[in-house]
């Protein structure tokens, strides 16, 4: 199993980023996927989840209305569109296969002026 995140970087408050997670080594199209994040000194937290056929999504209250999770089953990729970014969104973002202990290596997102 391999999960490779990309798209992180440095962005100013109010800006946007789109994270991608390319998956391989398992049946992606039947797997629900999640994005987590971990800020310095804090526990890892669930940000968003999407069902296997995009049938349902979940968002943490802190990102609701600003972040959008989506997936492309033909490309075995899950995305996290992040808009109206705030300094408190600064963290390492990880994708994960829901109900499995499969994690990516993470991508750093820093929101700062």
Protein backbone atom coordinates (compact mmCIF):
# COMPACT_ATOMS: atom_id res chain seq x y z
CA UNK A 1 0.00 0.00 0.00
CA UNK A 2 1.28 3.43 -0.93
CA UNK A 3 -0.27 6.83 -0.25
CA UNK A 4 1.63 9.84 -1.57
CA UNK A 5 0.46 13.32 -0.61
CA UNK A 6 1.40 16.45 -2.52
CA UNK A 7 0.34 20.06 -2.91
CA UNK A 8 1.37 21.50 0.43
CA UNK A 9 3.33 24.71 0.82
CA UNK A 10 3.39 28.20 2.22
CA UNK A 11 0.31 30.36 1.64
CA UNK A 12 -0.93 33.67 3.00
CA UNK A 13 -4.03 33.86 5.19
CA UNK A 14 -7.12 33.82 3.00
CA UNK A 15 -5.36 31.85 0.30
CA UNK A 16 -6.05 28.41 -1.14
CA UNK A 17 -4.26 25.14 -1.65
CA UNK A 18 -5.27 21.82 -3.19
CA UNK A 19 -3.79 18.69 -1.68
CA UNK A 20 -3.65 15.42 -3.59
CA UNK A 21 -3.13 11.88 -2.37
CA UNK A 22 -2.22 9.27 -4.97
CA UNK A 23 -3.08 5.75 -3.81
CA UNK A 24 -1.88 2.33 -4.91
CA UNK A 25 -1.65 -1.22 -3.64
CA UNK A 26 -5.27 -1.66 -2.60
CA UNK A 27 -8.76 -1.39 -4.08
CA UNK A 28 -9.12 2.36 -3.99
CA UNK A 29 -12.60 2.60 -5.49
CA UNK A 30 -14.18 0.57 -2.68
CA UNK A 31 -12.30 2.34 0.12
CA UNK A 32 -13.47 5.36 2.06
CA UNK A 33 -10.67 7.89 2.45
CA UNK A 34 -9.84 10.53 5.04
CA UNK A 35 -7.60 13.53 5.51
CA UNK A 36 -6.05 14.17 8.92
CA UNK A 37 -3.76 16.92 10.15
CA UNK A 38 -1.32 17.36 12.99
CA UNK A 39 -0.15 20.75 14.18
CA UNK A 40 3.00 21.17 16.29
CA UNK A 41 2.37 20.09 19.87
CA UNK A 42 -1.14 18.86 19.10
CA UNK A 43 -2.75 15.51 18.50
CA UNK A 44 -3.56 14.34 15.00
CA UNK A 45 -7.15 15.25 14.13
CA UNK A 46 -9.64 14.13 11.49
CA UNK A 47 -10.29 16.86 8.92
CA UNK A 48 -12.56 15.22 6.34
CA UNK A 49 -13.79 11.85 5.07
CA UNK A 50 -15.33 10.76 1.79
CA UNK A 51 -17.21 7.55 1.03
CA UNK A 52 -16.09 5.03 -1.56
CA UNK A 53 -18.38 6.37 -4.30
CA UNK A 54 -18.41 9.95 -3.04
CA UNK A 55 -21.76 9.12 -1.50
CA UNK A 56 -21.09 10.89 1.73
CA UNK A 57 -18.68 13.37 3.22
CA UNK A 58 -17.78 14.48 6.72
CA UNK A 59 -15.97 17.63 7.80
CA UNK A 60 -14.62 18.78 11.11
CA UNK A 61 -16.42 21.86 12.36
CA UNK A 62 -13.21 23.85 12.12
CA UNK A 63 -13.02 23.43 8.32
CA UNK A 64 -16.67 23.14 7.34
CA UNK A 65 -17.55 25.56 4.56
CA UNK A 66 -13.88 26.17 3.69
CA UNK A 67 -12.50 22.73 2.76
CA UNK A 68 -13.86 20.26 0.20
CA UNK A 69 -12.86 16.60 -0.06
CA UNK A 70 -13.29 14.83 -3.40
CA UNK A 71 -11.97 11.79 -5.23
CA UNK A 72 -11.26 10.51 -8.72
CA UNK A 73 -11.58 6.74 -8.76
CA UNK A 74 -10.15 6.56 -12.28
CA UNK A 75 -6.95 8.22 -11.04
CA UNK A 76 -6.90 6.54 -7.60
CA UNK A 77 -6.57 9.98 -6.08
CA UNK A 78 -8.27 11.83 -3.25
CA UNK A 79 -8.15 15.62 -3.00
CA UNK A 80 -8.58 18.26 -0.35
CA UNK A 81 -9.41 21.73 -1.64
CA UNK A 82 -8.64 24.25 1.08
CA UNK A 83 -9.97 27.80 0.76
CA UNK A 84 -9.95 30.80 3.09
CA UNK A 85 -6.96 29.37 4.89
CA UNK A 86 -6.16 30.55 8.40
CA UNK A 87 -2.93 30.43 10.42
CA UNK A 88 -4.54 27.77 12.62
CA UNK A 89 -4.75 25.48 9.57
CA UNK A 90 -0.95 25.17 9.68
CA UNK A 91 -0.14 21.48 10.09
CA UNK A 92 1.16 18.39 8.40
CA UNK A 93 -1.70 16.90 6.40
CA UNK A 94 -2.01 13.14 5.95
CA UNK A 95 -4.32 10.98 3.92
CA UNK A 96 -5.52 7.69 5.30
CA UNK A 97 -7.59 4.73 4.21
CA UNK A 98 -10.60 4.68 6.49
CA UNK A 99 -10.87 1.61 8.75
CA UNK A 100 -7.30 0.64 7.82
CA UNK A 101 -3.98 1.66 9.33
CA UNK A 102 -2.64 2.93 6.00
CA UNK A 103 -1.15 6.43 6.11
CA UNK A 104 0.77 8.67 3.75
CA UNK A 105 3.99 10.43 4.69
CA UNK A 106 2.28 13.80 5.01
CA UNK A 107 2.60 17.18 3.35
CA UNK A 108 3.30 20.42 5.20
CA UNK A 109 0.84 23.29 4.97
CA UNK A 110 1.93 26.61 6.44
CA UNK A 111 -0.41 29.59 6.53
CA UNK A 112 1.47 32.76 7.34
CA UNK A 113 1.92 36.31 6.15
